[in-house]
Protein backbone atom coordinates (compact mmCIF):
# COMPACT_ATOMS: atom_id res chain seq x y z
CA UNK A 1 -46.57 -50.06 61.42
CA UNK A 2 -47.98 -47.63 58.96
CA UNK A 3 -46.71 -47.08 55.46
CA UNK A 4 -44.60 -44.06 54.60
CA UNK A 5 -47.48 -42.45 52.78
CA UNK A 6 -49.74 -42.75 55.82
CA UNK A 7 -47.02 -41.36 58.04
CA UNK A 8 -46.57 -38.31 55.74
CA UNK A 9 -50.33 -37.87 55.55
CA UNK A 10 -50.68 -37.98 59.29
CA UNK A 11 -47.69 -35.78 60.15
CA UNK A 12 -47.71 -33.20 57.36
CA UNK A 13 -49.98 -30.25 57.26
CA UNK A 14 -51.55 -29.10 54.00
CA UNK A 15 -49.10 -26.17 53.86
CA UNK A 16 -46.08 -28.47 54.16
CA UNK A 17 -47.46 -30.71 51.41
CA UNK A 18 -47.80 -27.65 49.22
CA UNK A 19 -44.24 -26.57 49.95
CA UNK A 20 -42.88 -30.06 49.14
CA UNK A 21 -44.98 -30.18 45.98
CA UNK A 22 -43.68 -26.77 44.95
CA UNK A 23 -40.11 -27.82 45.69
CA UNK A 24 -40.58 -30.99 43.63
CA UNK A 25 -42.04 -28.96 40.77
CA UNK A 26 -39.10 -26.52 40.88
CA UNK A 27 -36.50 -29.33 40.88
CA UNK A 28 -38.35 -31.16 38.11
CA UNK A 29 -38.71 -27.95 36.09
CA UNK A 30 -35.02 -27.23 36.47
CA UNK A 31 -34.05 -30.59 35.03
CA UNK A 32 -36.61 -30.18 32.22
CA UNK A 33 -35.47 -26.60 31.43
CA UNK A 34 -31.70 -27.16 31.68
CA UNK A 35 -31.27 -28.93 28.28
CA UNK A 36 -33.39 -26.24 26.61
CA UNK A 37 -31.34 -23.48 28.25
CA UNK A 38 -28.10 -25.14 27.14
CA UNK A 39 -29.42 -25.47 23.59
CA UNK A 40 -30.38 -21.79 23.54
CA UNK A 41 -26.98 -20.78 24.94
CA UNK A 42 -25.18 -22.88 22.33
CA UNK A 43 -27.29 -21.39 19.52
CA UNK A 44 -26.62 -17.87 20.81
CA UNK A 45 -22.89 -18.54 20.97
CA UNK A 46 -22.91 -20.04 17.45
CA UNK A 47 -24.77 -16.98 16.16
CA UNK A 48 -22.26 -14.65 17.82
CA UNK A 49 -19.34 -16.58 16.32
CA UNK A 50 -20.95 -16.53 12.86
CA UNK A 51 -21.67 -12.79 13.10
CA UNK A 52 -18.11 -12.10 14.29
CA UNK A 53 -16.74 -14.18 11.42
CA UNK A 54 -18.86 -12.28 8.88
CA UNK A 55 -17.80 -8.96 10.38
CA UNK A 56 -14.12 -9.97 10.22
CA UNK A 57 -14.55 -10.95 6.57
CA UNK A 58 -16.13 -7.57 5.75
CA UNK A 59 -13.25 -5.89 7.61
CA UNK A 60 -10.70 -7.88 5.60
CA UNK A 61 -12.38 -6.82 2.36
CA UNK A 62 -12.32 -3.16 3.44
CA UNK A 63 -8.67 -3.44 4.50
CA UNK A 64 -7.76 -4.97 1.14
CA UNK A 65 -9.51 -2.10 -0.64
CA UNK A 66 -7.67 0.47 1.49
CA UNK A 67 -4.32 -1.26 0.89
CA UNK A 68 -4.99 -1.35 -2.87
CA UNK A 69 -5.86 2.36 -2.85
CA UNK A 70 -2.69 3.12 -0.90
CA UNK A 71 -0.55 1.14 -3.36
CA UNK A 72 -2.19 2.93 -6.30
CA UNK A 73 -1.63 6.31 -4.67
CA UNK A 74 1.99 5.39 -3.98
CA UNK A 75 2.55 4.39 -7.62
CA UNK A 76 0.94 7.61 -8.80
CA UNK A 77 3.15 9.60 -6.43
CA UNK A 78 6.24 7.77 -7.69
CA UNK A 79 5.29 8.59 -11.29
CA UNK A 80 4.70 12.22 -10.37
CA UNK A 81 8.06 12.42 -8.59
CA UNK A 82 9.81 10.91 -11.62
CA UNK A 83 8.12 13.44 -13.93
CA UNK A 84 9.04 16.35 -11.68
CA UNK A 85 12.64 15.16 -11.49
CA UNK A 86 12.78 14.92 -15.29
CA UNK A 87 11.35 18.44 -15.64
CA UNK A 88 13.87 19.69 -13.11
CA UNK A 89 16.72 18.06 -15.06
CA UNK A 90 15.49 19.76 -18.25
CA UNK A 91 15.37 23.12 -16.47
CA UNK A 92 18.90 22.63 -15.07
CA UNK A 93 20.14 21.76 -18.54
CA UNK A 94 18.48 24.87 -19.99
CA UNK A 95 20.00 27.12 -17.30
CA UNK A 96 23.42 25.58 -17.95
CA UNK A 97 23.02 26.27 -21.69
CA UNK A 98 22.05 29.91 -21.10
CA UNK A 99 24.97 30.34 -18.71
CA UNK A 100 27.32 28.81 -21.26
CA UNK A 101 26.07 31.16 -23.99
CA UNK A 102 26.39 34.21 -21.76
CA UNK A 103 29.92 33.24 -20.74
CA UNK A 104 30.89 32.67 -24.37
CA UNK A 105 29.44 36.07 -25.39
CA UNK A 106 31.32 37.85 -22.62
CA UNK A 107 34.56 36.06 -23.60
CA UNK A 108 34.18 36.93 -27.28
CA UNK A 109 33.39 40.58 -26.52
CA UNK A 110 36.37 40.80 -24.16
CA UNK A 111 38.70 39.35 -26.82
CA UNK A 112 37.66 41.80 -29.55
CA UNK A 113 35.01 44.40 -28.71
CA UNK A 114 34.86 45.45 -32.39
CA UNK A 115 33.53 42.02 -33.33
CA UNK A 116 30.69 42.12 -30.78
CA UNK A 117 28.06 41.98 -33.53
CA UNK A 118 29.69 38.89 -35.06
CA UNK A 119 29.98 37.29 -31.60
CA UNK A 120 26.28 37.98 -30.93
CA UNK A 121 25.35 36.31 -34.22
CA UNK A 122 27.41 33.21 -33.34
CA UNK A 123 25.84 33.07 -29.87
CA UNK A 124 22.33 33.42 -31.38
CA UNK A 125 23.04 30.47 -33.68
CA UNK A 126 24.39 28.48 -30.72
CA UNK A 127 21.32 29.39 -28.69
CA UNK A 128 18.97 28.36 -31.54
CA UNK A 129 20.59 24.91 -31.63
CA UNK A 130 20.18 24.64 -27.87
CA UNK A 131 16.52 25.65 -28.07
CA UNK A 132 15.90 22.89 -30.66
CA UNK A 133 17.50 20.36 -28.33
CA UNK A 134 15.39 21.67 -25.41
CA UNK A 135 12.21 21.40 -27.47
CA UNK A 136 13.11 17.80 -28.31
CA UNK A 137 13.68 17.03 -24.60
CA UNK A 138 10.38 18.65 -23.62
CA UNK A 139 8.56 16.74 -26.36
CA UNK A 140 10.01 13.46 -25.17
CA UNK A 141 9.02 14.27 -21.58
CA UNK A 142 5.49 15.19 -22.72
CA UNK A 143 5.11 11.90 -24.60
CA UNK A 144 6.33 9.94 -21.59
CA UNK A 145 3.96 11.89 -19.33
CA UNK A 146 0.95 11.35 -21.62
CA UNK A 147 1.63 7.62 -21.72
CA UNK A 148 1.98 7.50 -17.93
CA UNK A 149 5.35 5.79 -18.10
CA UNK A 150 7.64 6.45 -15.13
CA UNK A 151 11.18 7.50 -15.87
């Protein structure tokens, strides 16, 4: 009985030997290349994870900056609203004072039309006192506004 090698040599054609040799080389190459391919895939995945992590960190920094800007804008808007409300209160007070003076003048003239000049003088004095108080209010509001303090 012949050995296995002699049997293959006797029964295989040169083309079949080439095909088996090629098949052996492909299977051997696969097992040699597989660890390298896995290493490359793992490195690629690690790089993607690192890049994604860096991108997320940059996004967090940008989001923090946007949130800080929004908070600052909100505080500025609140200060502006407080200042406008204070100015509106001053204007309402001034209108009430003028209305009060006009009503008082009309009442005094109706009581004694002959003393209209005297009534006008009293109302002018009353109005001067009111204007001093308004100037003081406006000055206080201006100081508060210049210091940036919310009311």
